[in-house]
Amino acid sequence: MTKIKALIGLKIKELRQKESLSQEKLAELANIDRTYIHDIEKGSRNISVSVLEKLCSALKIKLSDFFNQIESHE
């Protein structure tokens, strides 16, 4: 697992939990498969920018803010 995939996964999980969303609900809101959320949060998926954009929209965060938060964790 690469560091960036792990950081993205951890941030997605953190934001999902902050919004009190299950993986299933986030997947539904982002229109992606629930098992994909699990793999993203584990850091085992190399996700596309379009999937990340869907997730950020579902989590009510701008893509730029998401990356700024990722940068601050490095």
PDB file of N, CA and C in Angstrom:
ATOM      1  N   MET A   1       0.848  -1.175   0.000  1.00  0.00           N
ATOM      2  CA  MET A   1       0.000   0.000   0.000  1.00  0.00           C
ATOM      3  C   MET A   1       0.895   1.240   0.000  1.00  0.00           C
ATOM      4  N   THR A   2       0.578   2.176  -0.888  1.00  0.00           N
ATOM      5  CA  THR A   2       1.373   3.398  -0.922  1.00  0.00           C
ATOM      6  C   THR A   2       0.858   4.384   0.130  1.00  0.00           C
ATOM      7  N   LYS A   3       1.710   5.299   0.478  1.00  0.00           N
ATOM      8  CA  LYS A   3       1.375   6.261   1.520  1.00  0.00           C
ATOM      9  C   LYS A   3       0.170   7.118   1.137  1.00  0.00           C
ATOM     10  N   ILE A   4       0.091   7.577  -0.104  1.00  0.00           N
ATOM     11  CA  ILE A   4      -1.014   8.449  -0.508  1.00  0.00           C
ATOM     12  C   ILE A   4      -2.340   7.698  -0.470  1.00  0.00           C
ATOM     13  N   LYS A   5      -2.350   6.433  -0.893  1.00  0.00           N
ATOM     14  CA  LYS A   5      -3.594   5.650  -0.839  1.00  0.00           C
ATOM     15  C   LYS A   5      -4.038   5.463   0.610  1.00  0.00           C
ATOM     16  N   ALA A   6      -3.090   5.237   1.491  1.00  0.00           N
ATOM     17  CA  ALA A   6      -3.409   5.080   2.913  1.00  0.00           C
ATOM     18  C   ALA A   6      -3.958   6.379   3.496  1.00  0.00           C
ATOM     19  N   LEU A   7      -3.335   7.501   3.158  1.00  0.00           N
ATOM     20  CA  LEU A   7      -3.796   8.798   3.664  1.00  0.00           C
ATOM     21  C   LEU A   7      -5.193   9.132   3.155  1.00  0.00           C
ATOM     22  N   ILE A   8      -5.437   8.881   1.883  1.00  0.00           N
ATOM     23  CA  ILE A   8      -6.761   9.141   1.312  1.00  0.00           C
ATOM     24  C   ILE A   8      -7.791   8.257   2.000  1.00  0.00           C
ATOM     25  N   GLY A   9      -7.469   6.992   2.166  1.00  0.00           N
ATOM     26  CA  GLY A   9      -8.391   6.075   2.821  1.00  0.00           C
ATOM     27  C   GLY A   9      -8.723   6.490   4.238  1.00  0.00           C
ATOM     28  N   LEU A  10      -7.712   6.871   4.988  1.00  0.00           N
ATOM     29  CA  LEU A  10      -7.935   7.309   6.373  1.00  0.00           C
ATOM     30  C   LEU A  10      -8.780   8.572   6.432  1.00  0.00           C
ATOM     31  N   LYS A  11      -8.536   9.501   5.515  1.00  0.00           N
ATOM     32  CA  LYS A  11      -9.292  10.754   5.496  1.00  0.00           C
ATOM     33  C   LYS A  11     -10.748  10.506   5.119  1.00  0.00           C
ATOM     34  N   ILE A  12     -10.982   9.625   4.138  1.00  0.00           N
ATOM     35  CA  ILE A  12     -12.356   9.289   3.755  1.00  0.00           C
ATOM     36  C   ILE A  12     -13.086   8.682   4.957  1.00  0.00           C
ATOM     37  N   LYS A  13     -12.428   7.761   5.630  1.00  0.00           N
ATOM     38  CA  LYS A  13     -13.043   7.115   6.795  1.00  0.00           C
ATOM     39  C   LYS A  13     -13.338   8.135   7.895  1.00  0.00           C
ATOM     40  N   GLU A  14     -12.386   9.008   8.162  1.00  0.00           N
ATOM     41  CA  GLU A  14     -12.553  10.038   9.188  1.00  0.00           C
ATOM     42  C   GLU A  14     -13.743  10.944   8.860  1.00  0.00           C
ATOM     43  N   LEU A  15     -13.824  11.390   7.618  1.00  0.00           N
ATOM     44  CA  LEU A  15     -14.918  12.275   7.211  1.00  0.00           C
ATOM     45  C   LEU A  15     -16.259  11.538   7.228  1.00  0.00           C
ATOM     46  N   ARG A  16     -16.258  10.291   6.829  1.00  0.00           N
ATOM     47  CA  ARG A  16     -17.484   9.486   6.842  1.00  0.00           C
ATOM     48  C   ARG A  16     -18.002   9.334   8.267  1.00  0.00           C
ATOM     49  N   GLN A  17     -17.105   9.015   9.181  1.00  0.00           N
ATOM     50  CA  GLN A  17     -17.507   8.842  10.575  1.00  0.00           C
ATOM     51  C   GLN A  17     -17.948  10.165  11.194  1.00  0.00           C
ATOM     52  N   LYS A  18     -17.302  11.250  10.819  1.00  0.00           N
ATOM     53  CA  LYS A  18     -17.680  12.572  11.312  1.00  0.00           C
ATOM     54  C   LYS A  18     -19.115  12.911  10.912  1.00  0.00           C
ATOM     55  N   GLU A  19     -19.516  12.462   9.728  1.00  0.00           N
ATOM     56  CA  GLU A  19     -20.879  12.695   9.235  1.00  0.00           C
ATOM     57  C   GLU A  19     -21.850  11.608   9.711  1.00  0.00           C
ATOM     58  N   SER A  20     -21.364  10.676  10.532  1.00  0.00           N
ATOM     59  CA  SER A  20     -22.169   9.556  11.040  1.00  0.00           C
ATOM     60  C   SER A  20     -22.798   8.734   9.911  1.00  0.00           C
ATOM     61  N   LEU A  21     -21.992   8.473   8.879  1.00  0.00           N
ATOM     62  CA  LEU A  21     -22.453   7.686   7.734  1.00  0.00           C
ATOM     63  C   LEU A  21     -21.852   6.287   7.788  1.00  0.00           C
ATOM     64  N   SER A  22     -22.651   5.310   7.447  1.00  0.00           N
ATOM     65  CA  SER A  22     -22.128   3.962   7.265  1.00  0.00           C
ATOM     66  C   SER A  22     -21.448   3.903   5.902  1.00  0.00           C
ATOM     67  N   GLN A  23     -20.666   2.866   5.690  1.00  0.00           N
ATOM     68  CA  GLN A  23     -20.064   2.674   4.369  1.00  0.00           C
ATOM     69  C   GLN A  23     -21.153   2.527   3.318  1.00  0.00           C
ATOM     70  N   GLU A  24     -22.223   1.827   3.671  1.00  0.00           N
ATOM     71  CA  GLU A  24     -23.332   1.632   2.742  1.00  0.00           C
ATOM     72  C   GLU A  24     -23.973   2.959   2.347  1.00  0.00           C
ATOM     73  N   LYS A  25     -24.214   3.818   3.323  1.00  0.00           N
ATOM     74  CA  LYS A  25     -24.858   5.104   3.049  1.00  0.00           C
ATOM     75  C   LYS A  25     -23.951   5.996   2.205  1.00  0.00           C
ATOM     76  N   LEU A  26     -22.663   6.032   2.525  1.00  0.00           N
ATOM     77  CA  LEU A  26     -21.735   6.832   1.730  1.00  0.00           C
ATOM     78  C   LEU A  26     -21.693   6.321   0.293  1.00  0.00           C
ATOM     79  N   ALA A  27     -21.649   5.018   0.131  1.00  0.00           N
ATOM     80  CA  ALA A  27     -21.643   4.427  -1.210  1.00  0.00           C
ATOM     81  C   ALA A  27     -22.898   4.821  -1.977  1.00  0.00           C
ATOM     82  N   GLU A  28     -24.019   4.798  -1.296  1.00  0.00           N
ATOM     83  CA  GLU A  28     -25.281   5.183  -1.926  1.00  0.00           C
ATOM     84  C   GLU A  28     -25.251   6.652  -2.351  1.00  0.00           C
ATOM     85  N   LEU A  29     -24.799   7.516  -1.461  1.00  0.00           N
ATOM     86  CA  LEU A  29     -24.733   8.950  -1.760  1.00  0.00           C
ATOM     87  C   LEU A  29     -23.770   9.260  -2.902  1.00  0.00           C
ATOM     88  N   ALA A  30     -22.676   8.499  -2.967  1.00  0.00           N
ATOM     89  CA  ALA A  30     -21.655   8.728  -4.003  1.00  0.00           C
ATOM     90  C   ALA A  30     -21.923   7.912  -5.268  1.00  0.00           C
ATOM     91  N   ASN A  31     -22.935   7.053  -5.209  1.00  0.00           N
ATOM     92  CA  ASN A  31     -23.287   6.197  -6.340  1.00  0.00           C
ATOM     93  C   ASN A  31     -22.136   5.274  -6.753  1.00  0.00           C
ATOM     94  N   ILE A  32     -21.539   4.640  -5.743  1.00  0.00           N
ATOM     95  CA  ILE A  32     -20.499   3.641  -5.987  1.00  0.00           C
ATOM     96  C   ILE A  32     -20.782   2.419  -5.109  1.00  0.00           C
ATOM     97  N   ASP A  33     -20.125   1.318  -5.395  1.00  0.00           N
ATOM     98  CA  ASP A  33     -20.356   0.074  -4.667  1.00  0.00           C
ATOM     99  C   ASP A  33     -19.803   0.148  -3.246  1.00  0.00           C
ATOM    100  N   ARG A  34     -20.543  -0.411  -2.292  1.00  0.00           N
ATOM    101  CA  ARG A  34     -20.131  -0.369  -0.887  1.00  0.00           C
ATOM    102  C   ARG A  34     -18.789  -1.039  -0.649  1.00  0.00           C
ATOM    103  N   THR A  35     -18.539  -2.130  -1.342  1.00  0.00           N
ATOM    104  CA  THR A  35     -17.261  -2.826  -1.135  1.00  0.00           C
ATOM    105  C   THR A  35     -16.087  -1.962  -1.588  1.00  0.00           C
ATOM    106  N   TYR A  36     -16.357  -1.076  -2.517  1.00  0.00           N
ATOM    107  CA  TYR A  36     -15.327  -0.153  -2.983  1.00  0.00           C
ATOM    108  C   TYR A  36     -14.922   0.801  -1.849  1.00  0.00           C
ATOM    109  N   ILE A  37     -15.904   1.260  -1.076  1.00  0.00           N
ATOM    110  CA  ILE A  37     -15.626   2.146   0.071  1.00  0.00           C
ATOM    111  C   ILE A  37     -14.696   1.435   1.055  1.00  0.00           C
ATOM    112  N   HIS A  38     -15.012   0.199   1.354  1.00  0.00           N
ATOM    113  CA  HIS A  38     -14.188  -0.584   2.277  1.00  0.00           C
ATOM    114  C   HIS A  38     -12.740  -0.657   1.781  1.00  0.00           C
ATOM    115  N   ASP A  39     -12.559  -0.960   0.510  1.00  0.00           N
ATOM    116  CA  ASP A  39     -11.213  -1.062  -0.062  1.00  0.00           C
ATOM    117  C   ASP A  39     -10.485   0.277  -0.073  1.00  0.00           C
ATOM    118  N   ILE A  40     -11.223   1.351  -0.321  1.00  0.00           N
ATOM    119  CA  ILE A  40     -10.619   2.692  -0.311  1.00  0.00           C
ATOM    120  C   ILE A  40     -10.128   3.013   1.099  1.00  0.00           C
ATOM    121  N   GLU A  41     -10.976   2.774   2.089  1.00  0.00           N
ATOM    122  CA  GLU A  41     -10.613   3.084   3.467  1.00  0.00           C
ATOM    123  C   GLU A  41      -9.439   2.247   3.961  1.00  0.00           C
ATOM    124  N   LYS A  42      -9.291   1.042   3.448  1.00  0.00           N
ATOM    125  CA  LYS A  42      -8.144   0.196   3.800  1.00  0.00           C
ATOM    126  C   LYS A  42      -6.876   0.652   3.086  1.00  0.00           C
ATOM    127  N   GLY A  43      -7.032   1.494   2.059  1.00  0.00           N
ATOM    128  CA  GLY A  43      -5.875   1.947   1.290  1.00  0.00           C
ATOM    129  C   GLY A  43      -5.436   0.955   0.239  1.00  0.00           C
ATOM    130  N   SER A  44      -6.323   0.019  -0.109  1.00  0.00           N
ATOM    131  CA  SER A  44      -5.940  -0.999  -1.083  1.00  0.00           C
ATOM    132  C   SER A  44      -6.448  -0.709  -2.491  1.00  0.00           C
ATOM    133  N   ARG A  45      -7.119   0.419  -2.680  1.00  0.00           N
ATOM    134  CA  ARG A  45      -7.622   0.797  -3.995  1.00  0.00           C
ATOM    135  C   ARG A  45      -6.930   2.060  -4.481  1.00  0.00           C
ATOM    136  N   ASN A  46      -6.622   2.052  -5.751  1.00  0.00           N
ATOM    137  CA  ASN A  46      -6.084   3.237  -6.403  1.00  0.00           C
ATOM    138  C   ASN A  46      -7.258   3.903  -7.110  1.00  0.00           C
ATOM    139  N   ILE A  47      -7.892   4.865  -6.449  1.00  0.00           N
ATOM    140  CA  ILE A  47      -9.135   5.415  -6.976  1.00  0.00           C
ATOM    141  C   ILE A  47      -8.888   6.525  -7.981  1.00  0.00           C
ATOM    142  N   SER A  48      -9.865   6.724  -8.845  1.00  0.00           N
ATOM    143  CA  SER A  48      -9.773   7.785  -9.845  1.00  0.00           C
ATOM    144  C   SER A  48     -10.185   9.121  -9.231  1.00  0.00           C
ATOM    145  N   VAL A  49      -9.840  10.177  -9.903  1.00  0.00           N
ATOM    146  CA  VAL A  49     -10.220  11.508  -9.447  1.00  0.00           C
ATOM    147  C   VAL A  49     -11.740  11.654  -9.483  1.00  0.00           C
ATOM    148  N   SER A  50     -12.391  11.042 -10.468  1.00  0.00           N
ATOM    149  CA  SER A  50     -13.852  11.154 -10.551  1.00  0.00           C
ATOM    150  C   SER A  50     -14.522  10.463  -9.367  1.00  0.00           C
ATOM    151  N   VAL A  51     -14.001   9.335  -8.913  1.00  0.00           N
ATOM    152  CA  VAL A  51     -14.554   8.669  -7.726  1.00  0.00           C
ATOM    153  C   VAL A  51     -14.292   9.523  -6.494  1.00  0.00           C
ATOM    154  N   LEU A  52     -13.115  10.080  -6.380  1.00  0.00           N
ATOM    155  CA  LEU A  52     -12.803  10.940  -5.240  1.00  0.00           C
ATOM    156  C   LEU A  52     -13.716  12.164  -5.235  1.00  0.00           C
ATOM    157  N   GLU A  53     -13.996  12.699  -6.408  1.00  0.00           N
ATOM    158  CA  GLU A  53     -14.907  13.839  -6.511  1.00  0.00           C
ATOM    159  C   GLU A  53     -16.313  13.462  -6.032  1.00  0.00           C
ATOM    160  N   LYS A  54     -16.788  12.273  -6.400  1.00  0.00           N
ATOM    161  CA  LYS A  54     -18.097  11.798  -5.943  1.00  0.00           C
ATOM    162  C   LYS A  54     -18.117  11.652  -4.424  1.00  0.00           C
ATOM    163  N   LEU A  55     -17.049  11.098  -3.876  1.00  0.00           N
ATOM    164  CA  LEU A  55     -16.968  10.920  -2.432  1.00  0.00           C
ATOM    165  C   LEU A  55     -16.939  12.260  -1.706  1.00  0.00           C
ATOM    166  N   CYS A  56     -16.152  13.184  -2.208  1.00  0.00           N
ATOM    167  CA  CYS A  56     -16.074  14.506  -1.582  1.00  0.00           C
ATOM    168  C   CYS A  56     -17.425  15.211  -1.631  1.00  0.00           C
ATOM    169  N   SER A  57     -18.115  15.082  -2.739  1.00  0.00           N
ATOM    170  CA  SER A  57     -19.446  15.674  -2.854  1.00  0.00           C
ATOM    171  C   SER A  57     -20.390  15.055  -1.829  1.00  0.00           C
ATOM    172  N   ALA A  58     -20.374  13.746  -1.705  1.00  0.00           N
ATOM    173  CA  ALA A  58     -21.227  13.059  -0.731  1.00  0.00           C
ATOM    174  C   ALA A  58     -20.872  13.438   0.704  1.00  0.00           C
ATOM    175  N   LEU A  59     -19.590  13.721   0.935  1.00  0.00           N
ATOM    176  CA  LEU A  59     -19.119  14.096   2.271  1.00  0.00           C
ATOM    177  C   LEU A  59     -19.170  15.600   2.521  1.00  0.00           C
ATOM    178  N   LYS A  60     -19.647  16.334   1.516  1.00  0.00           N
ATOM    179  CA  LYS A  60     -19.819  17.786   1.620  1.00  0.00           C
ATOM    180  C   LYS A  60     -18.506  18.519   1.890  1.00  0.00           C
ATOM    181  N   ILE A  61     -17.493  18.137   1.134  1.00  0.00           N
ATOM    182  CA  ILE A  61     -16.192  18.793   1.238  1.00  0.00           C
ATOM    183  C   ILE A  61     -15.670  19.070  -0.171  1.00  0.00           C
ATOM    184  N   LYS A  62     -15.071  20.229  -0.350  1.00  0.00           N
ATOM    185  CA  LYS A  62     -14.486  20.539  -1.650  1.00  0.00           C
ATOM    186  C   LYS A  62     -13.239  19.683  -1.857  1.00  0.00           C
ATOM    187  N   LEU A  63     -13.016  19.312  -3.100  1.00  0.00           N
ATOM    188  CA  LEU A  63     -11.852  18.503  -3.444  1.00  0.00           C
ATOM    189  C   LEU A  63     -10.562  19.193  -2.997  1.00  0.00           C
ATOM    190  N   SER A  64     -10.486  20.497  -3.195  1.00  0.00           N
ATOM    191  CA  SER A  64      -9.281  21.233  -2.787  1.00  0.00           C
ATOM    192  C   SER A  64      -9.085  21.172  -1.269  1.00  0.00           C
ATOM    193  N   ASP A  65     -10.166  21.280  -0.514  1.00  0.00           N
ATOM    194  CA  ASP A  65     -10.068  21.188   0.946  1.00  0.00           C
ATOM    195  C   ASP A  65      -9.651  19.784   1.380  1.00  0.00           C
ATOM    196  N   PHE A  66     -10.161  18.783   0.659  1.00  0.00           N
ATOM    197  CA  PHE A  66      -9.782  17.404   0.960  1.00  0.00           C
ATOM    198  C   PHE A  66      -8.269  17.243   0.824  1.00  0.00           C
ATOM    199  N   PHE A  67      -7.718  17.711  -0.290  1.00  0.00           N
ATOM    200  CA  PHE A  67      -6.279  17.579  -0.506  1.00  0.00           C
ATOM    201  C   PHE A  67      -5.478  18.419   0.492  1.00  0.00           C
ATOM    202  N   ASN A  68      -5.993  19.584   0.864  1.00  0.00           N
ATOM    203  CA  ASN A  68      -5.308  20.387   1.880  1.00  0.00           C
ATOM    204  C   ASN A  68      -5.234  19.640   3.208  1.00  0.00           C
ATOM    205  N   GLN A  69      -6.306  18.925   3.560  1.00  0.00           N
ATOM    206  CA  GLN A  69      -6.307  18.151   4.800  1.00  0.00           C
ATOM    207  C   GLN A  69      -5.349  16.958   4.705  1.00  0.00           C
ATOM    208  N   ILE A  70      -5.263  16.366   3.532  1.00  0.00           N
ATOM    209  CA  ILE A  70      -4.321  15.255   3.318  1.00  0.00           C
ATOM    210  C   ILE A  70      -2.886  15.764   3.481  1.00  0.00           C
ATOM    211  N   GLU A  71      -2.605  16.914   2.891  1.00  0.00           N
ATOM    212  CA  GLU A  71      -1.258  17.493   2.988  1.00  0.00           C
ATOM    213  C   GLU A  71      -0.862  17.777   4.430  1.00  0.00           C
ATOM    214  N   SER A  72      -1.822  18.209   5.234  1.00  0.00           N
ATOM    215  CA  SER A  72      -1.499  18.549   6.621  1.00  0.00           C
ATOM    216  C   SER A  72      -1.219  17.311   7.470  1.00  0.00           C
ATOM    217  N   HIS A  73      -1.590  16.129   6.989  1.00  0.00           N
ATOM    218  CA  HIS A  73      -1.307  14.877   7.705  1.00  0.00           C
ATOM    219  C   HIS A  73       0.045  14.272   7.355  1.00  0.00           C
ATOM    220  N   GLU A  74       0.697  14.770   6.316  1.00  0.00           N
ATOM    221  CA  GLU A  74       1.970  14.176   5.890  1.00  0.00           C
ATOM    222  C   GLU A  74       3.094  14.542   6.820  1.00  0.00           C
TER     223      GLU A  74
END
